[in-house]
PDB file of N, CA and C in Angstrom:
ATOM      1  N   MET A   1       2.726   8.585   4.638  1.00  0.00           N
ATOM      2  CA  MET A   1       2.448   7.393   5.418  1.00  0.00           C
ATOM      3  C   MET A   1       1.457   6.532   4.633  1.00  0.00           C
ATOM      4  N   PRO A   2       1.755   5.253   4.467  1.00  0.00           N
ATOM      5  CA  PRO A   2       0.841   4.370   3.729  1.00  0.00           C
ATOM      6  C   PRO A   2      -0.492   4.196   4.451  1.00  0.00           C
ATOM      7  N   LYS A   3      -1.505   3.883   3.675  1.00  0.00           N
ATOM      8  CA  LYS A   3      -2.828   3.594   4.216  1.00  0.00           C
ATOM      9  C   LYS A   3      -3.194   2.169   3.828  1.00  0.00           C
ATOM     10  N   ILE A   4      -3.878   1.489   4.721  1.00  0.00           N
ATOM     11  CA  ILE A   4      -4.379   0.150   4.447  1.00  0.00           C
ATOM     12  C   ILE A   4      -5.894   0.218   4.513  1.00  0.00           C
ATOM     13  N   ASN A   5      -6.555  -0.379   3.524  1.00  0.00           N
ATOM     14  CA  ASN A   5      -8.011  -0.451   3.499  1.00  0.00           C
ATOM     15  C   ASN A   5      -8.409  -1.916   3.495  1.00  0.00           C
ATOM     16  N   TYR A   6      -9.355  -2.269   4.372  1.00  0.00           N
ATOM     17  CA  TYR A   6      -9.858  -3.643   4.426  1.00  0.00           C
ATOM     18  C   TYR A   6     -11.311  -3.652   3.984  1.00  0.00           C
ATOM     19  N   SER A   7     -11.622  -4.478   2.980  1.00  0.00           N
ATOM     20  CA  SER A   7     -12.984  -4.553   2.458  1.00  0.00           C
ATOM     21  C   SER A   7     -13.476  -5.997   2.387  1.00  0.00           C
ATOM     22  N   GLY A   8     -12.877  -6.891   3.155  1.00  0.00           N
ATOM     23  CA  GLY A   8     -13.251  -8.306   3.126  1.00  0.00           C
ATOM     24  C   GLY A   8     -14.539  -8.591   3.879  1.00  0.00           C
ATOM     25  N   SER A   9     -14.838  -9.883   4.000  1.00  0.00           N
ATOM     26  CA  SER A   9     -16.106 -10.290   4.592  1.00  0.00           C
ATOM     27  C   SER A   9     -16.063 -10.425   6.113  1.00  0.00           C
ATOM     28  N   GLN A  10     -14.890 -10.552   6.710  1.00  0.00           N
ATOM     29  CA  GLN A  10     -14.775 -10.663   8.164  1.00  0.00           C
ATOM     30  C   GLN A  10     -15.002  -9.294   8.819  1.00  0.00           C
ATOM     31  N   ALA A  11     -15.380  -9.294  10.073  1.00  0.00           N
ATOM     32  CA  ALA A  11     -15.652  -8.036  10.787  1.00  0.00           C
ATOM     33  C   ALA A  11     -14.389  -7.221  11.001  1.00  0.00           C
ATOM     34  N   ALA A  12     -13.276  -7.901  11.286  1.00  0.00           N
ATOM     35  CA  ALA A  12     -12.031  -7.198  11.555  1.00  0.00           C
ATOM     36  C   ALA A  12     -10.862  -8.178  11.518  1.00  0.00           C
ATOM     37  N   PHE A  13      -9.668  -7.634  11.420  1.00  0.00           N
ATOM     38  CA  PHE A  13      -8.442  -8.426  11.478  1.00  0.00           C
ATOM     39  C   PHE A  13      -7.429  -7.697  12.339  1.00  0.00           C
ATOM     40  N   SER A  14      -6.537  -8.471  12.925  1.00  0.00           N
ATOM     41  CA  SER A  14      -5.409  -7.924  13.671  1.00  0.00           C
ATOM     42  C   SER A  14      -4.147  -8.555  13.097  1.00  0.00           C
ATOM     43  N   PHE A  15      -3.231  -7.723  12.675  1.00  0.00           N
ATOM     44  CA  PHE A  15      -1.986  -8.183  12.090  1.00  0.00           C
ATOM     45  C   PHE A  15      -0.835  -7.702  12.946  1.00  0.00           C
ATOM     46  N   ASP A  16      -0.311  -8.577  13.775  1.00  0.00           N
ATOM     47  CA  ASP A  16       0.852  -8.262  14.598  1.00  0.00           C
ATOM     48  C   ASP A  16       0.682  -6.918  15.320  1.00  0.00           C
ATOM     49  N   GLY A  17      -0.483  -6.730  15.926  1.00  0.00           N
ATOM     50  CA  GLY A  17      -0.743  -5.516  16.694  1.00  0.00           C
ATOM     51  C   GLY A  17      -1.430  -4.397  15.932  1.00  0.00           C
ATOM     52  N   VAL A  18      -1.560  -4.526  14.615  1.00  0.00           N
ATOM     53  CA  VAL A  18      -2.250  -3.515  13.812  1.00  0.00           C
ATOM     54  C   VAL A  18      -3.658  -4.046  13.539  1.00  0.00           C
ATOM     55  N   GLN A  19      -4.671  -3.337  14.043  1.00  0.00           N
ATOM     56  CA  GLN A  19      -6.052  -3.791  13.894  1.00  0.00           C
ATOM     57  C   GLN A  19      -6.781  -2.941  12.875  1.00  0.00           C
ATOM     58  N   ILE A  20      -7.613  -3.627  12.059  1.00  0.00           N
ATOM     59  CA  ILE A  20      -8.397  -2.928  11.045  1.00  0.00           C
ATOM     60  C   ILE A  20      -9.751  -3.609  10.924  1.00  0.00           C
ATOM     61  N   GLY A  21     -10.808  -2.787  10.860  1.00  0.00           N
ATOM     62  CA  GLY A  21     -12.164  -3.299  10.733  1.00  0.00           C
ATOM     63  C   GLY A  21     -12.652  -3.251   9.305  1.00  0.00           C
ATOM     64  N   LYS A  22     -13.736  -3.962   9.055  1.00  0.00           N
ATOM     65  CA  LYS A  22     -14.340  -4.020   7.724  1.00  0.00           C
ATOM     66  C   LYS A  22     -14.730  -2.617   7.257  1.00  0.00           C
ATOM     67  N   GLY A  23     -14.299  -2.265   6.040  1.00  0.00           N
ATOM     68  CA  GLY A  23     -14.617  -0.964   5.472  1.00  0.00           C
ATOM     69  C   GLY A  23     -13.769   0.169   6.014  1.00  0.00           C
ATOM     70  N   GLN A  24     -12.786  -0.150   6.808  1.00  0.00           N
ATOM     71  CA  GLN A  24     -11.964   0.871   7.457  1.00  0.00           C
ATOM     72  C   GLN A  24     -10.667   1.094   6.678  1.00  0.00           C
ATOM     73  N   THR A  25     -10.195   2.330   6.691  1.00  0.00           N
ATOM     74  CA  THR A  25      -8.892   2.688   6.139  1.00  0.00           C
ATOM     75  C   THR A  25      -8.078   3.280   7.279  1.00  0.00           C
ATOM     76  N   ILE A  26      -6.871   2.748   7.485  1.00  0.00           N
ATOM     77  CA  ILE A  26      -6.028   3.231   8.567  1.00  0.00           C
ATOM     78  C   ILE A  26      -4.651   3.612   8.043  1.00  0.00           C
ATOM     79  N   ASP A  27      -4.013   4.539   8.751  1.00  0.00           N
ATOM     80  CA  ASP A  27      -2.630   4.907   8.461  1.00  0.00           C
ATOM     81  C   ASP A  27      -1.716   3.933   9.197  1.00  0.00           C
ATOM     82  N   VAL A  28      -0.664   3.503   8.525  1.00  0.00           N
ATOM     83  CA  VAL A  28       0.351   2.673   9.172  1.00  0.00           C
ATOM     84  C   VAL A  28       1.720   3.210   8.798  1.00  0.00           C
ATOM     85  N   SER A  29       2.665   3.044   9.684  1.00  0.00           N
ATOM     86  CA  SER A  29       4.019   3.468   9.367  1.00  0.00           C
ATOM     87  C   SER A  29       4.627   2.490   8.363  1.00  0.00           C
ATOM     88  N   VAL A  30       5.648   2.918   7.679  1.00  0.00           N
ATOM     89  CA  VAL A  30       6.334   2.059   6.728  1.00  0.00           C
ATOM     90  C   VAL A  30       6.903   0.839   7.458  1.00  0.00           C
ATOM     91  N   ALA A  31       7.433   1.052   8.647  1.00  0.00           N
ATOM     92  CA  ALA A  31       7.989  -0.057   9.441  1.00  0.00           C
ATOM     93  C   ALA A  31       6.905  -1.070   9.792  1.00  0.00           C
ATOM     94  N   ASP A  32       5.721  -0.580  10.218  1.00  0.00           N
ATOM     95  CA  ASP A  32       4.614  -1.489  10.532  1.00  0.00           C
ATOM     96  C   ASP A  32       4.165  -2.241   9.287  1.00  0.00           C
ATOM     97  N   LEU A  33       4.084  -1.554   8.162  1.00  0.00           N
ATOM     98  CA  LEU A  33       3.661  -2.197   6.926  1.00  0.00           C
ATOM     99  C   LEU A  33       4.631  -3.311   6.538  1.00  0.00           C
ATOM    100  N   LYS A  34       5.912  -3.049   6.645  1.00  0.00           N
ATOM    101  CA  LYS A  34       6.914  -4.078   6.331  1.00  0.00           C
ATOM    102  C   LYS A  34       6.761  -5.274   7.265  1.00  0.00           C
ATOM    103  N   ARG A  35       6.527  -4.998   8.554  1.00  0.00           N
ATOM    104  CA  ARG A  35       6.400  -6.070   9.541  1.00  0.00           C
ATOM    105  C   ARG A  35       5.166  -6.931   9.289  1.00  0.00           C
ATOM    106  N   ILE A  36       4.015  -6.299   9.095  1.00  0.00           N
ATOM    107  CA  ILE A  36       2.788  -7.083   8.935  1.00  0.00           C
ATOM    108  C   ILE A  36       2.694  -7.743   7.569  1.00  0.00           C
ATOM    109  N   SER A  37       3.396  -7.202   6.584  1.00  0.00           N
ATOM    110  CA  SER A  37       3.334  -7.780   5.235  1.00  0.00           C
ATOM    111  C   SER A  37       4.018  -9.136   5.168  1.00  0.00           C
ATOM    112  N   LYS A  38       4.780  -9.488   6.198  1.00  0.00           N
ATOM    113  CA  LYS A  38       5.453 -10.787   6.229  1.00  0.00           C
ATOM    114  C   LYS A  38       4.510 -11.912   6.640  1.00  0.00           C
ATOM    115  N   GLY A  39       3.344 -11.552   7.184  1.00  0.00           N
ATOM    116  CA  GLY A  39       2.387 -12.562   7.646  1.00  0.00           C
ATOM    117  C   GLY A  39       1.610 -13.198   6.508  1.00  0.00           C
ATOM    118  N   LYS A  40       1.314 -14.482   6.660  1.00  0.00           N
ATOM    119  CA  LYS A  40       0.588 -15.226   5.619  1.00  0.00           C
ATOM    120  C   LYS A  40      -0.839 -14.705   5.429  1.00  0.00           C
ATOM    121  N   ALA A  41      -1.526 -14.402   6.532  1.00  0.00           N
ATOM    122  CA  ALA A  41      -2.907 -13.928   6.431  1.00  0.00           C
ATOM    123  C   ALA A  41      -2.960 -12.587   5.696  1.00  0.00           C
ATOM    124  N   PHE A  42      -2.065 -11.676   6.054  1.00  0.00           N
ATOM    125  CA  PHE A  42      -2.025 -10.366   5.398  1.00  0.00           C
ATOM    126  C   PHE A  42      -1.743 -10.539   3.909  1.00  0.00           C
ATOM    127  N   SER A  43      -0.772 -11.381   3.584  1.00  0.00           N
ATOM    128  CA  SER A  43      -0.402 -11.613   2.181  1.00  0.00           C
ATOM    129  C   SER A  43      -1.569 -12.197   1.393  1.00  0.00           C
ATOM    130  N   ALA A  44      -2.290 -13.130   1.994  1.00  0.00           N
ATOM    131  CA  ALA A  44      -3.429 -13.749   1.318  1.00  0.00           C
ATOM    132  C   ALA A  44      -4.536 -12.725   1.065  1.00  0.00           C
ATOM    133  N   LEU A  45      -4.806 -11.878   2.056  1.00  0.00           N
ATOM    134  CA  LEU A  45      -5.841 -10.855   1.885  1.00  0.00           C
ATOM    135  C   LEU A  45      -5.417  -9.803   0.862  1.00  0.00           C
ATOM    136  N   LEU A  46      -4.144  -9.488   0.817  1.00  0.00           N
ATOM    137  CA  LEU A  46      -3.621  -8.535  -0.153  1.00  0.00           C
ATOM    138  C   LEU A  46      -3.759  -9.108  -1.564  1.00  0.00           C
ATOM    139  N   GLU A  47      -3.405 -10.380  -1.708  1.00  0.00           N
ATOM    140  CA  GLU A  47      -3.484 -11.039  -3.011  1.00  0.00           C
ATOM    141  C   GLU A  47      -4.923 -11.148  -3.494  1.00  0.00           C
ATOM    142  N   SER A  48      -5.853 -11.404  -2.569  1.00  0.00           N
ATOM    143  CA  SER A  48      -7.261 -11.547  -2.946  1.00  0.00           C
ATOM    144  C   SER A  48      -7.939 -10.202  -3.205  1.00  0.00           C
ATOM    145  N   GLY A  49      -7.292  -9.109  -2.801  1.00  0.00           N
ATOM    146  CA  GLY A  49      -7.876  -7.788  -3.006  1.00  0.00           C
ATOM    147  C   GLY A  49      -8.712  -7.301  -1.838  1.00  0.00           C
ATOM    148  N   ASP A  50      -8.811  -8.120  -0.762  1.00  0.00           N
ATOM    149  CA  ASP A  50      -9.575  -7.703   0.415  1.00  0.00           C
ATOM    150  C   ASP A  50      -8.859  -6.595   1.178  1.00  0.00           C
ATOM    151  N   ILE A  51      -7.546  -6.540   1.026  1.00  0.00           N
ATOM    152  CA  ILE A  51      -6.748  -5.463   1.612  1.00  0.00           C
ATOM    153  C   ILE A  51      -6.048  -4.746   0.475  1.00  0.00           C
ATOM    154  N   THR A  52      -6.084  -3.424   0.519  1.00  0.00           N
ATOM    155  CA  THR A  52      -5.352  -2.627  -0.460  1.00  0.00           C
ATOM    156  C   THR A  52      -4.438  -1.663   0.293  1.00  0.00           C
ATOM    157  N   ILE A  53      -3.331  -1.352  -0.347  1.00  0.00           N
ATOM    158  CA  ILE A  53      -2.356  -0.428   0.232  1.00  0.00           C
ATOM    159  C   ILE A  53      -2.308   0.794  -0.659  1.00  0.00           C
ATOM    160  N   GLY A  54      -2.419   1.962  -0.062  1.00  0.00           N
ATOM    161  CA  GLY A  54      -2.369   3.200  -0.832  1.00  0.00           C
ATOM    162  C   GLY A  54      -1.526   4.234  -0.120  1.00  0.00           C
ATOM    163  N   GLU A  55      -1.236   5.289  -0.824  1.00  0.00           N
ATOM    164  CA  GLU A  55      -0.483   6.399  -0.262  1.00  0.00           C
ATOM    165  C   GLU A  55      -1.446   7.438   0.272  1.00  0.00           C
ATOM    166  N   GLU A  56      -1.024   8.164   1.286  1.00  0.00           N
ATOM    167  CA  GLU A  56      -1.826   9.249   1.834  1.00  0.00           C
ATOM    168  C   GLU A  56      -1.908  10.361   0.801  1.00  0.00           C
ATOM    169  N   ALA A  57      -3.087  10.876   0.594  1.00  0.00           N
ATOM    170  CA  ALA A  57      -3.276  11.946  -0.382  1.00  0.00           C
ATOM    171  C   ALA A  57      -4.050  13.082   0.266  1.00  0.00           C
ATOM    172  N   LYS A  58      -3.382  13.877   1.056  1.00  0.00           N
ATOM    173  CA  LYS A  58      -4.031  15.003   1.727  1.00  0.00           C
ATOM    174  C   LYS A  58      -4.265  16.130   0.729  1.00  0.00           C
ATOM    175  N   GLN A  59      -5.453  16.665   0.757  1.00  0.00           N
ATOM    176  CA  GLN A  59      -5.781  17.806  -0.092  1.00  0.00           C
ATOM    177  C   GLN A  59      -5.511  19.080   0.705  1.00  0.00           C
ATOM    178  N   LYS A  60      -4.720  19.952   0.175  1.00  0.00           N
ATOM    179  CA  LYS A  60      -4.446  21.228   0.837  1.00  0.00           C
ATOM    180  C   LYS A  60      -5.370  22.286   0.260  1.00  0.00           C
ATOM    181  N   SER A  61      -5.783  23.212   1.102  1.00  0.00           N
ATOM    182  CA  SER A  61      -6.696  24.248   0.636  1.00  0.00           C
ATOM    183  C   SER A  61      -5.968  25.318  -0.163  1.00  0.00           C
ATOM    184  N   SER A  62      -4.658  25.405   0.007  1.00  0.00           N
ATOM    185  CA  SER A  62      -3.909  26.420  -0.729  1.00  0.00           C
ATOM    186  C   SER A  62      -3.716  26.004  -2.176  1.00  0.00           C
ATOM    187  N   ALA A  63      -3.542  26.985  -3.025  1.00  0.00           N
ATOM    188  CA  ALA A  63      -3.310  26.704  -4.442  1.00  0.00           C
ATOM    189  C   ALA A  63      -2.002  25.947  -4.576  1.00  0.00           C
ATOM    190  N   GLY A  64      -1.999  24.954  -5.434  1.00  0.00           N
ATOM    191  CA  GLY A  64      -0.792  24.172  -5.663  1.00  0.00           C
ATOM    192  C   GLY A  64      -0.699  22.958  -4.777  1.00  0.00           C
ATOM    193  N   GLY A  65      -1.578  22.794  -3.837  1.00  0.00           N
ATOM    194  CA  GLY A  65      -1.554  21.624  -2.967  1.00  0.00           C
ATOM    195  C   GLY A  65      -1.750  20.344  -3.733  1.00  0.00           C
ATOM    196  N   LYS A  66      -2.624  20.367  -4.711  1.00  0.00           N
ATOM    197  CA  LYS A  66      -2.887  19.177  -5.506  1.00  0.00           C
ATOM    198  C   LYS A  66      -1.649  18.778  -6.291  1.00  0.00           C
ATOM    199  N   GLY A  67      -0.968  19.735  -6.851  1.00  0.00           N
ATOM    200  CA  GLY A  67       0.246  19.434  -7.602  1.00  0.00           C
ATOM    201  C   GLY A  67       1.297  18.809  -6.718  1.00  0.00           C
ATOM    202  N   SER A  68       1.385  19.292  -5.496  1.00  0.00           N
ATOM    203  CA  SER A  68       2.340  18.740  -4.540  1.00  0.00           C
ATOM    204  C   SER A  68       2.034  17.280  -4.255  1.00  0.00           C
ATOM    205  N   ASN A  69       0.752  16.952  -4.070  1.00  0.00           N
ATOM    206  CA  ASN A  69       0.360  15.566  -3.818  1.00  0.00           C
ATOM    207  C   ASN A  69       0.618  14.692  -5.040  1.00  0.00           C
ATOM    208  N   GLU A  70       0.379  15.234  -6.219  1.00  0.00           N
ATOM    209  CA  GLU A  70       0.649  14.477  -7.436  1.00  0.00           C
ATOM    210  C   GLU A  70       2.142  14.187  -7.550  1.00  0.00           C
ATOM    211  N   ASN A  71       2.974  15.139  -7.178  1.00  0.00           N
ATOM    212  CA  ASN A  71       4.420  14.926  -7.212  1.00  0.00           C
ATOM    213  C   ASN A  71       4.831  13.843  -6.230  1.00  0.00           C
ATOM    214  N   LYS A  72       4.238  13.845  -5.025  1.00  0.00           N
ATOM    215  CA  LYS A  72       4.544  12.821  -4.031  1.00  0.00           C
ATOM    216  C   LYS A  72       4.139  11.447  -4.541  1.00  0.00           C
ATOM    217  N   LEU A  73       2.970  11.361  -5.174  1.00  0.00           N
ATOM    218  CA  LEU A  73       2.500  10.092  -5.714  1.00  0.00           C
ATOM    219  C   LEU A  73       3.418   9.628  -6.844  1.00  0.00           C
ATOM    220  N   ASP A  74       3.825  10.551  -7.709  1.00  0.00           N
ATOM    221  CA  ASP A  74       4.750  10.214  -8.786  1.00  0.00           C
ATOM    222  C   ASP A  74       6.081   9.731  -8.224  1.00  0.00           C
ATOM    223  N   ASP A  75       6.569  10.387  -7.181  1.00  0.00           N
ATOM    224  CA  ASP A  75       7.823   9.977  -6.542  1.00  0.00           C
ATOM    225  C   ASP A  75       7.686   8.590  -5.928  1.00  0.00           C
ATOM    226  N   ALA A  76       6.568   8.348  -5.246  1.00  0.00           N
ATOM    227  CA  ALA A  76       6.343   7.038  -4.633  1.00  0.00           C
ATOM    228  C   ALA A  76       6.274   5.952  -5.699  1.00  0.00           C
ATOM    229  N   LEU A  77       5.584   6.247  -6.793  1.00  0.00           N
ATOM    230  CA  LEU A  77       5.473   5.290  -7.896  1.00  0.00           C
ATOM    231  C   LEU A  77       6.854   5.001  -8.483  1.00  0.00           C
ATOM    232  N   ALA A  78       7.646   6.025  -8.686  1.00  0.00           N
ATOM    233  CA  ALA A  78       8.995   5.847  -9.232  1.00  0.00           C
ATOM    234  C   ALA A  78       9.858   5.017  -8.287  1.00  0.00           C
ATOM    235  N   ASN A  79       9.733   5.253  -6.991  1.00  0.00           N
ATOM    236  CA  ASN A  79      10.511   4.487  -6.008  1.00  0.00           C
ATOM    237  C   ASN A  79      10.127   3.010  -6.017  1.00  0.00           C
ATOM    238  N   VAL A  80       8.821   2.734  -6.070  1.00  0.00           N
ATOM    239  CA  VAL A  80       8.358   1.348  -6.085  1.00  0.00           C
ATOM    240  C   VAL A  80       8.832   0.659  -7.363  1.00  0.00           C
ATOM    241  N   LYS A  81       8.704   1.346  -8.491  1.00  0.00           N
ATOM    242  CA  LYS A  81       9.152   0.766  -9.764  1.00  0.00           C
ATOM    243  C   LYS A  81      10.658   0.496  -9.743  1.00  0.00           C
ATOM    244  N   ALA A  82      11.411   1.404  -9.152  1.00  0.00           N
ATOM    245  CA  ALA A  82      12.860   1.220  -9.079  1.00  0.00           C
ATOM    246  C   ALA A  82      13.211   0.001  -8.231  1.00  0.00           C
ATOM    247  N   GLU A  83      12.524  -0.164  -7.099  1.00  0.00           N
ATOM    248  CA  GLU A  83      12.786  -1.323  -6.241  1.00  0.00           C
ATOM    249  C   GLU A  83      12.433  -2.620  -6.956  1.00  0.00           C
ATOM    250  N   LEU A  84      11.293  -2.631  -7.649  1.00  0.00           N
ATOM    251  CA  LEU A  84      10.886  -3.834  -8.381  1.00  0.00           C
ATOM    252  C   LEU A  84      11.898  -4.171  -9.471  1.00  0.00           C
ATOM    253  N   THR A  85      12.349  -3.158 -10.189  1.00  0.00           N
ATOM    254  CA  THR A  85      13.331  -3.359 -11.255  1.00  0.00           C
ATOM    255  C   THR A  85      14.632  -3.904 -10.669  1.00  0.00           C
ATOM    256  N   GLU A  86      15.045  -3.336  -9.553  1.00  0.00           N
ATOM    257  CA  GLU A  86      16.276  -3.776  -8.892  1.00  0.00           C
ATOM    258  C   GLU A  86      16.186  -5.245  -8.475  1.00  0.00           C
ATOM    259  N   MET A  87      14.981  -5.681  -8.102  1.00  0.00           N
ATOM    260  CA  MET A  87      14.771  -7.067  -7.676  1.00  0.00           C
ATOM    261  C   MET A  87      14.526  -8.002  -8.856  1.00  0.00           C
ATOM    262  N   GLY A  88      14.470  -7.427 -10.070  1.00  0.00           N
ATOM    263  CA  GLY A  88      14.255  -8.235 -11.264  1.00  0.00           C
ATOM    264  C   GLY A  88      12.815  -8.642 -11.481  1.00  0.00           C
ATOM    265  N   ILE A  89      11.885  -7.907 -10.904  1.00  0.00           N
ATOM    266  CA  ILE A  89      10.456  -8.212 -11.026  1.00  0.00           C
ATOM    267  C   ILE A  89       9.862  -7.356 -12.134  1.00  0.00           C
ATOM    268  N   THR A  90       9.162  -7.999 -13.042  1.00  0.00           N
ATOM    269  CA  THR A  90       8.567  -7.276 -14.168  1.00  0.00           C
ATOM    270  C   THR A  90       7.182  -6.749 -13.790  1.00  0.00           C
ATOM    271  N   PHE A  91       6.785  -5.689 -14.476  1.00  0.00           N
ATOM    272  CA  PHE A  91       5.483  -5.079 -14.252  1.00  0.00           C
ATOM    273  C   PHE A  91       5.095  -4.302 -15.503  1.00  0.00           C
ATOM    274  N   ALA A  92       3.803  -4.069 -15.644  1.00  0.00           N
ATOM    275  CA  ALA A  92       3.292  -3.296 -16.779  1.00  0.00           C
ATOM    276  C   ALA A  92       3.338  -1.810 -16.444  1.00  0.00           C
ATOM    277  N   ASP A  93       3.563  -0.979 -17.441  1.00  0.00           N
ATOM    278  CA  ASP A  93       3.638   0.468 -17.225  1.00  0.00           C
ATOM    279  C   ASP A  93       2.326   1.057 -16.715  1.00  0.00           C
ATOM    280  N   ASP A  94       1.208   0.386 -17.009  1.00  0.00           N
ATOM    281  CA  ASP A  94      -0.087   0.937 -16.621  1.00  0.00           C
ATOM    282  C   ASP A  94      -0.605   0.391 -15.282  1.00  0.00           C
ATOM    283  N   GLU A  95       0.223  -0.361 -14.546  1.00  0.00           N
ATOM    284  CA  GLU A  95      -0.221  -0.884 -13.252  1.00  0.00           C
ATOM    285  C   GLU A  95      -0.290   0.245 -12.228  1.00  0.00           C
ATOM    286  N   ALA A  96      -1.318   0.195 -11.407  1.00  0.00           N
ATOM    287  CA  ALA A  96      -1.505   1.206 -10.357  1.00  0.00           C
ATOM    288  C   ALA A  96      -0.476   1.011  -9.258  1.00  0.00           C
ATOM    289  N   ILE A  97      -0.215   2.080  -8.519  1.00  0.00           N
ATOM    290  CA  ILE A  97       0.775   2.016  -7.439  1.00  0.00           C
ATOM    291  C   ILE A  97       0.400   0.949  -6.415  1.00  0.00           C
ATOM    292  N   GLU A  98      -0.884   0.769  -6.152  1.00  0.00           N
ATOM    293  CA  GLU A  98      -1.317  -0.231  -5.185  1.00  0.00           C
ATOM    294  C   GLU A  98      -0.921  -1.636  -5.637  1.00  0.00           C
ATOM    295  N   GLN A  99      -1.084  -1.915  -6.934  1.00  0.00           N
ATOM    296  CA  GLN A  99      -0.706  -3.218  -7.478  1.00  0.00           C
ATOM    297  C   GLN A  99       0.804  -3.426  -7.378  1.00  0.00           C
ATOM    298  N   LEU A 100       1.557  -2.388  -7.693  1.00  0.00           N
ATOM    299  CA  LEU A 100       3.010  -2.485  -7.642  1.00  0.00           C
ATOM    300  C   LEU A 100       3.495  -2.657  -6.204  1.00  0.00           C
ATOM    301  N   GLN A 101       2.863  -1.960  -5.269  1.00  0.00           N
ATOM    302  CA  GLN A 101       3.233  -2.100  -3.863  1.00  0.00           C
ATOM    303  C   GLN A 101       2.946  -3.518  -3.373  1.00  0.00           C
ATOM    304  N   ALA A 102       1.834  -4.087  -3.826  1.00  0.00           N
ATOM    305  CA  ALA A 102       1.510  -5.462  -3.444  1.00  0.00           C
ATOM    306  C   ALA A 102       2.577  -6.422  -3.970  1.00  0.00           C
ATOM    307  N   LYS A 103       3.021  -6.231  -5.200  1.00  0.00           N
ATOM    308  CA  LYS A 103       4.083  -7.069  -5.764  1.00  0.00           C
ATOM    309  C   LYS A 103       5.358  -6.922  -4.955  1.00  0.00           C
ATOM    310  N   LEU A 104       5.666  -5.704  -4.564  1.00  0.00           N
ATOM    311  CA  LEU A 104       6.884  -5.450  -3.803  1.00  0.00           C
ATOM    312  C   LEU A 104       6.823  -6.121  -2.432  1.00  0.00           C
ATOM    313  N   VAL A 105       5.685  -6.026  -1.781  1.00  0.00           N
ATOM    314  CA  VAL A 105       5.506  -6.658  -0.473  1.00  0.00           C
ATOM    315  C   VAL A 105       5.691  -8.168  -0.605  1.00  0.00           C
ATOM    316  N   GLN A 106       5.084  -8.769  -1.627  1.00  0.00           N
ATOM    317  CA  GLN A 106       5.204 -10.206  -1.817  1.00  0.00           C
ATOM    318  C   GLN A 106       6.632 -10.607  -2.133  1.00  0.00           C
ATOM    319  N   ALA A 107       7.325  -9.800  -2.889  1.00  0.00           N
ATOM    320  CA  ALA A 107       8.694 -10.119  -3.272  1.00  0.00           C
ATOM    321  C   ALA A 107       9.639 -10.069  -2.080  1.00  0.00           C
ATOM    322  N   LYS A 108       9.334  -9.244  -1.107  1.00  0.00           N
ATOM    323  CA  LYS A 108      10.205  -9.092   0.058  1.00  0.00           C
ATOM    324  C   LYS A 108       9.980 -10.170   1.105  1.00  0.00           C
ATOM    325  N   GLU A 109       8.984 -11.020   0.911  1.00  0.00           N
ATOM    326  CA  GLU A 109       8.719 -12.081   1.883  1.00  0.00           C
ATOM    327  C   GLU A 109       9.767 -13.141   1.857  1.00  0.00           C
TER     328      GLU A 109
END
């Protein structure tokens, strides 16, 4: 499940029913993320860096949990890169998943 972090100067924002406060990180469903990413305010905050989108990275206490999370992150990165490539959007190999997700959100508007 994606996470949204807000670090802007306002106390809080509400995006089509999804509320987030300053310094807060919240989980959102993929469907909610797609819906709110269509809004101009959300897009502007994402572009300015006040909002960042990341993947959930749960640490498991069992051995191998970290590797599992790394695999999920690698899979998510590969999926985002594939979608961007399919849409004809260029990106650098060293861009972080958050940057690529922001490009993808903007491209889908």
